[in-house]
Protein backbone atom coordinates (compact mmCIF):
# COMPACT_ATOMS: atom_id res chain seq x y z
CA MET A 1 -16.27 -65.53 13.72
CA ASP A 2 -20.00 -66.04 14.38
CA GLU A 3 -19.98 -69.18 12.21
CA ARG A 4 -16.99 -70.60 14.08
CA GLY A 5 -18.60 -69.76 17.40
CA SER A 6 -21.83 -71.44 16.35
CA ARG A 7 -19.94 -74.55 15.25
CA LEU A 8 -18.03 -74.68 18.55
CA ARG A 9 -21.28 -74.39 20.48
CA ALA A 10 -22.69 -77.26 18.43
CA PHE A 11 -19.64 -79.43 19.25
CA VAL A 12 -20.17 -78.71 22.96
CA ALA A 13 -23.95 -79.14 22.88
CA VAL A 14 -23.86 -82.58 21.22
CA THR A 15 -21.83 -83.92 24.17
CA ARG A 16 -24.63 -82.87 26.59
CA PRO A 17 -22.35 -80.84 28.87
CA VAL A 18 -24.62 -80.96 31.94
CA ASN A 19 -24.52 -84.77 31.92
CA VAL A 20 -20.77 -84.67 31.35
CA LEU A 21 -20.24 -82.35 34.32
CA ILE A 22 -22.40 -84.59 36.51
CA THR A 23 -20.21 -87.55 35.50
CA ALA A 24 -17.04 -85.65 36.42
CA ALA A 25 -18.55 -84.58 39.74
CA THR A 26 -19.59 -88.17 40.42
CA ILE A 27 -16.01 -89.39 40.02
CA ILE A 28 -14.66 -86.63 42.28
CA VAL A 29 -17.22 -87.37 44.99
CA ALA A 30 -16.62 -91.13 44.61
CA GLY A 31 -12.94 -90.50 45.26
CA LEU A 32 -13.71 -88.32 48.27
CA ILE A 33 -16.06 -90.99 49.61
CA ALA A 34 -13.28 -93.53 49.15
CA GLY A 35 -10.95 -91.39 51.26
CA ILE A 36 -8.65 -89.97 48.59
CA THR A 37 -5.49 -88.51 50.06
CA THR A 38 -4.18 -85.06 49.14
CA ASP A 39 -1.17 -86.45 47.32
CA ARG A 40 -3.46 -88.47 44.99
CA PHE A 41 -6.05 -85.79 44.29
CA ASP A 42 -4.43 -84.91 40.95
CA VAL A 43 -4.91 -88.55 39.92
CA LEU A 44 -8.59 -88.28 40.85
CA VAL A 45 -8.97 -85.16 38.69
CA ILE A 46 -7.44 -87.04 35.73
CA ALA A 47 -9.86 -89.93 36.34
CA ALA A 48 -12.78 -87.47 36.44
CA ALA A 49 -11.67 -85.90 33.15
CA SER A 50 -11.34 -89.36 31.61
CA ALA A 51 -14.83 -90.39 32.71
CA ALA A 52 -16.28 -87.08 31.50
CA LEU A 53 -14.73 -87.56 28.05
CA LEU A 54 -16.07 -91.12 27.84
CA ALA A 55 -19.53 -89.92 28.89
CA ALA A 56 -19.36 -87.27 26.17
CA PHE A 57 -18.34 -90.00 23.69
CA GLY A 58 -21.36 -92.07 24.70
CA ASN A 59 -23.70 -89.10 24.27
CA VAL A 60 -22.36 -88.27 20.82
CA VAL A 61 -22.55 -91.89 19.63
CA ASN A 62 -26.09 -92.12 20.98
CA ASP A 63 -27.15 -89.06 18.99
CA ILE A 64 -25.52 -90.43 15.83
CA PHE A 65 -27.52 -93.66 16.02
CA ASP A 66 -30.73 -91.87 17.06
CA VAL A 67 -30.95 -89.24 14.31
CA SER A 68 -34.05 -90.71 12.68
CA ILE A 69 -35.81 -91.20 16.02
CA ASP A 70 -34.82 -87.77 17.34
CA ARG A 71 -36.52 -86.12 14.37
CA ILE A 72 -39.72 -87.00 16.24
CA ASN A 73 -38.67 -87.24 19.89
CA LYS A 74 -35.97 -84.54 20.16
CA PRO A 75 -36.09 -82.28 17.06
CA GLU A 76 -34.06 -79.63 18.87
CA ARG A 77 -30.96 -81.83 19.15
CA VAL A 78 -27.79 -80.77 17.37
CA LEU A 79 -27.56 -83.41 14.64
CA VAL A 80 -31.26 -83.34 13.79
CA SER A 81 -31.31 -79.54 13.55
CA GLY A 82 -28.32 -79.61 11.20
CA ARG A 83 -26.06 -77.52 13.44
CA LEU A 84 -23.46 -80.28 13.19
CA SER A 85 -22.95 -82.92 10.50
CA ILE A 86 -22.92 -86.64 11.32
CA ARG A 87 -19.42 -86.84 9.84
CA SER A 88 -18.18 -84.19 12.28
CA ALA A 89 -19.95 -85.98 15.14
CA ARG A 90 -18.20 -89.24 14.24
CA PHE A 91 -14.82 -87.51 14.25
CA LEU A 92 -15.63 -85.94 17.62
CA ALA A 93 -16.65 -89.31 19.06
CA VAL A 94 -13.33 -90.91 18.05
CA VAL A 95 -11.37 -88.02 19.59
CA LEU A 96 -13.36 -88.15 22.84
CA ALA A 97 -12.96 -91.92 23.20
CA GLY A 98 -9.24 -91.75 22.45
CA LEU A 99 -8.60 -88.99 24.96
CA GLY A 100 -10.78 -90.64 27.61
CA VAL A 101 -8.96 -93.96 27.36
CA ALA A 102 -5.52 -92.27 27.20
CA LEU A 103 -6.18 -90.32 30.40
CA ALA A 104 -7.45 -93.47 32.12
CA GLY A 105 -4.13 -95.11 31.32
CA LEU A 106 -2.40 -92.39 33.35
CA VAL A 107 -4.39 -93.33 36.44
CA SER A 108 -3.93 -97.10 36.78
CA ILE A 109 -4.27 -100.39 34.93
CA PRO A 110 -7.66 -101.21 36.53
CA VAL A 111 -9.01 -97.77 35.58
CA LEU A 112 -7.71 -98.24 32.04
CA GLY A 113 -9.48 -101.60 31.87
CA ILE A 114 -12.75 -100.07 33.06
CA ALA A 115 -12.38 -97.25 30.53
CA LEU A 116 -11.91 -99.67 27.63
CA ILE A 117 -14.86 -101.78 28.72
CA SER A 118 -16.98 -98.65 29.22
CA ALA A 119 -16.21 -97.33 25.74
CA ALA A 120 -17.16 -100.68 24.21
CA VAL A 121 -20.38 -100.95 26.23
CA LEU A 122 -21.39 -97.35 25.44
CA TYR A 123 -21.04 -98.06 21.73
CA ALA A 124 -22.87 -101.39 22.04
CA TYR A 125 -25.63 -99.67 23.99
CA SER A 126 -26.33 -97.10 21.27
CA SER A 127 -26.02 -99.55 18.39
CA VAL A 128 -27.71 -102.66 19.80
CA LEU A 129 -28.50 -102.91 23.51
CA LYS A 130 -30.87 -99.96 23.84
CA HIS A 131 -33.20 -101.62 21.33
CA ILE A 132 -33.63 -104.71 23.53
CA PRO A 133 -36.46 -104.21 26.08
CA LEU A 134 -35.07 -103.58 29.60
CA VAL A 135 -31.54 -104.63 28.61
CA GLY A 136 -30.70 -101.09 27.54
CA ASN A 137 -32.21 -99.67 30.74
CA ILE A 138 -30.20 -102.07 32.90
CA THR A 139 -27.05 -101.25 30.92
CA VAL A 140 -27.42 -97.54 31.71
CA GLY A 141 -27.95 -98.39 35.38
CA LEU A 142 -24.79 -100.51 35.41
CA MET A 143 -22.72 -97.85 33.67
CA THR A 144 -23.88 -95.15 36.08
CA GLY A 145 -23.11 -97.32 39.07
CA LEU A 146 -19.72 -98.19 37.59
CA ALA A 147 -18.76 -94.50 37.78
CA PHE A 148 -18.54 -94.80 41.57
CA ILE A 149 -16.36 -97.89 41.32
CA TYR A 150 -14.22 -95.99 38.80
CA GLY A 151 -13.69 -93.17 41.30
CA GLY A 152 -13.03 -95.68 44.04
CA PHE A 153 -10.28 -97.32 41.99
CA ALA A 154 -8.73 -93.89 41.35
CA ALA A 155 -8.61 -93.37 45.11
CA GLY A 156 -7.25 -96.85 45.72
CA HIS A 157 -10.40 -98.11 47.51
CA PRO A 158 -12.92 -99.43 44.96
CA GLU A 159 -15.02 -101.12 47.65
CA ALA A 160 -16.00 -97.68 48.98
CA GLY A 161 -18.01 -97.07 45.82
CA MET A 162 -20.31 -100.05 46.27
CA ILE A 163 -23.11 -98.34 48.24
CA PRO A 164 -23.56 -95.38 45.88
CA ALA A 165 -23.15 -97.74 42.90
CA VAL A 166 -26.16 -99.77 44.04
CA PHE A 167 -28.24 -96.60 44.52
CA ALA A 168 -27.25 -95.29 41.10
CA PHE A 169 -28.05 -98.63 39.47
CA PHE A 170 -31.68 -98.73 40.59
CA TYR A 171 -32.28 -94.98 40.34
CA ASN A 172 -31.15 -94.84 36.72
CA ILE A 173 -33.07 -97.94 35.65
CA GLY A 174 -36.24 -96.19 36.81
CA ARG A 175 -35.30 -92.96 35.04
CA GLU A 176 -34.44 -94.77 31.80
CA ILE A 177 -37.81 -96.53 31.77
CA LEU A 178 -39.54 -93.15 32.11
CA LYS A 179 -37.41 -91.74 29.27
CA ASP A 180 -38.53 -94.65 27.10
CA ILE A 181 -42.16 -93.86 27.93
CA GLU A 182 -41.52 -90.26 26.92
CA ASP A 183 -40.05 -91.42 23.60
CA ILE A 184 -42.75 -93.97 22.68
CA GLU A 185 -43.97 -92.01 19.65
CA GLY A 186 -40.58 -91.72 17.99
CA ASP A 187 -39.52 -95.25 18.95
CA LYS A 188 -42.64 -96.69 17.35
CA ALA A 189 -41.92 -94.72 14.17
CA GLY A 190 -38.37 -96.10 14.22
CA ARG A 191 -39.70 -99.64 14.83
CA ILE A 192 -37.78 -99.91 18.10
CA ARG A 193 -39.25 -102.32 20.66
CA THR A 194 -38.54 -100.64 23.98
CA PHE A 195 -39.97 -101.94 27.24
CA PRO A 196 -42.93 -99.49 27.34
CA ILE A 197 -43.84 -100.36 23.74
CA LEU A 198 -43.67 -104.08 24.54
CA VAL A 199 -45.79 -104.02 27.72
CA GLY A 200 -47.64 -100.71 27.49
CA ALA A 201 -46.97 -97.31 29.06
CA GLU A 202 -49.05 -97.90 32.20
CA TYR A 203 -47.34 -101.18 33.06
CA ALA A 204 -43.94 -99.57 32.41
CA MET A 205 -44.91 -96.72 34.75
CA THR A 206 -45.75 -99.31 37.40
CA VAL A 207 -42.37 -101.00 37.01
CA ALA A 208 -40.55 -97.64 37.19
CA THR A 209 -42.52 -96.74 40.34
CA VAL A 210 -41.60 -100.07 41.96
CA VAL A 211 -37.92 -99.54 41.07
CA PHE A 212 -37.99 -96.09 42.67
CA ALA A 213 -39.75 -97.53 45.74
CA VAL A 214 -36.93 -100.10 46.05
CA THR A 215 -34.43 -97.26 45.71
CA ILE A 216 -36.08 -95.34 48.55
CA VAL A 217 -35.97 -98.40 50.81
CA LEU A 218 -32.32 -98.99 49.94
CA THR A 219 -31.39 -95.40 50.84
CA LEU A 220 -32.45 -96.15 54.43
CA VAL A 221 -30.22 -99.23 54.76
CA PRO A 222 -26.88 -97.39 55.38
CA TYR A 223 -28.45 -95.53 58.32
CA MET A 224 -30.18 -98.62 59.71
CA MET A 225 -26.92 -100.58 59.49
CA GLY A 226 -25.02 -97.82 61.25
CA TRP A 227 -22.77 -97.07 58.27
CA TYR A 228 -24.00 -93.46 57.91
CA GLY A 229 -25.44 -91.17 60.58
CA LEU A 230 -28.29 -88.71 61.03
CA ALA A 231 -26.77 -86.10 58.74
CA TYR A 232 -26.96 -88.55 55.84
CA LEU A 233 -30.50 -89.59 56.77
CA ALA A 234 -31.72 -85.99 56.81
CA VAL A 235 -30.27 -85.16 53.40
CA VAL A 236 -31.35 -88.38 51.70
CA VAL A 237 -34.90 -88.38 53.09
CA LEU A 238 -35.61 -84.70 52.45
CA GLY A 239 -33.50 -84.21 49.34
CA VAL A 240 -33.95 -87.53 47.53
CA ASP A 241 -36.74 -89.71 48.90
CA ALA A 242 -39.29 -86.90 49.33
CA VAL A 243 -38.53 -85.66 45.82
CA LEU A 244 -38.94 -89.17 44.37
CA LEU A 245 -42.29 -89.60 46.09
CA SER A 246 -43.45 -86.22 44.82
CA LEU A 247 -42.35 -86.99 41.26
CA MET A 248 -44.06 -90.39 41.27
CA PHE A 249 -47.28 -88.80 42.50
CA SER A 250 -47.02 -86.27 39.68
CA LEU A 251 -46.34 -89.07 37.19
CA TRP A 252 -49.55 -90.91 38.00
CA LYS A 253 -51.61 -87.75 38.31
CA THR A 254 -50.48 -86.35 34.94
CA PRO A 255 -48.92 -89.09 32.77
CA THR A 256 -48.41 -86.83 29.75
CA ARG A 257 -45.30 -86.75 27.58
CA HIS A 258 -44.54 -83.18 28.67
CA ASN A 259 -44.81 -84.01 32.37
CA ILE A 260 -42.71 -87.17 32.04
CA SER A 261 -40.03 -85.06 30.31
CA ARG A 262 -40.15 -82.62 33.24
CA ILE A 263 -39.89 -85.48 35.75
CA CYS A 264 -36.84 -86.91 33.95
CA GLN A 265 -35.14 -83.51 34.17
CA TRP A 266 -35.86 -83.30 37.89
CA LEU A 267 -34.51 -86.82 38.37
CA LYS A 268 -31.27 -85.81 36.65
CA TYR A 269 -30.77 -82.89 39.01
CA ASP A 270 -31.82 -84.92 42.06
CA MET A 271 -28.94 -87.32 41.38
CA VAL A 272 -26.65 -84.50 42.49
CA VAL A 273 -28.51 -84.32 45.81
CA GLY A 274 -28.11 -88.07 46.19
CA ILE A 275 -24.37 -87.77 45.67
CA ALA A 276 -24.29 -84.98 48.26
CA ALA A 277 -26.17 -87.20 50.71
CA ILE A 278 -23.59 -89.98 50.39
CA TYR A 279 -20.74 -87.51 50.78
CA THR A 280 -22.44 -86.20 53.92
CA GLY A 281 -22.78 -89.73 55.23
CA THR A 282 -19.08 -90.46 54.86
CA HIS A 283 -17.76 -87.16 56.19
CA PHE A 284 -20.27 -85.82 58.73
CA SER A 285 -21.62 -88.89 60.49
């Protein structure tokens, strides 16, 4: 029983459940932002489950391709530690992709199309795109932003996802650049030419800082344009912008691998606050 339980935990862990839950929450909030009606909420839940399964697929595929690199960068990960075989991970990836696409087909044709494209891009990202300087970072930003469009389509109003999609695009490009800086040692050993390796860690830090500065400016636009009110402004300034400024100050003060890893974790959690800010802007302004 303990062996089965350990194997089940490994299957769950390799999907990166926190990231998967954030993806599901993003779709739900995107639907709420888009004005989902009560009679369509079950459709939104199916879309969220579909997106979560596809995100899990992407995480598993990424770990499969990164085994050699993770032996240096992330030795605690499931495949590197031997808690799950690569063969089992491949089987899991196929199941996750199949279920994710099948559920998307229950929502609508546009959502099914996005799901198929997403699955293909996620595989291409892990196998090819992530090894091209900046292209991989931009791909992650696009995929994260697409989640809001995905939720908008599920609600029948894809245009409502455009503002959060733009925020997510820039925010995640910055975070991905920092993750690449964190992984320089392993990427060099794996002969992968990421952006920080190509231009140097300090220059990459500068680019990431500029991207986050652009993100902060963009978060003020919905209030300045009168789209969202004071409630949104308060949450986004205190919960997102102030945190970003603090993390960037910490980055330049202590640009160590350990601190960059900590900053990336904080950025992951702060995405949830950003989603909450947008929800506040659409419902309490």
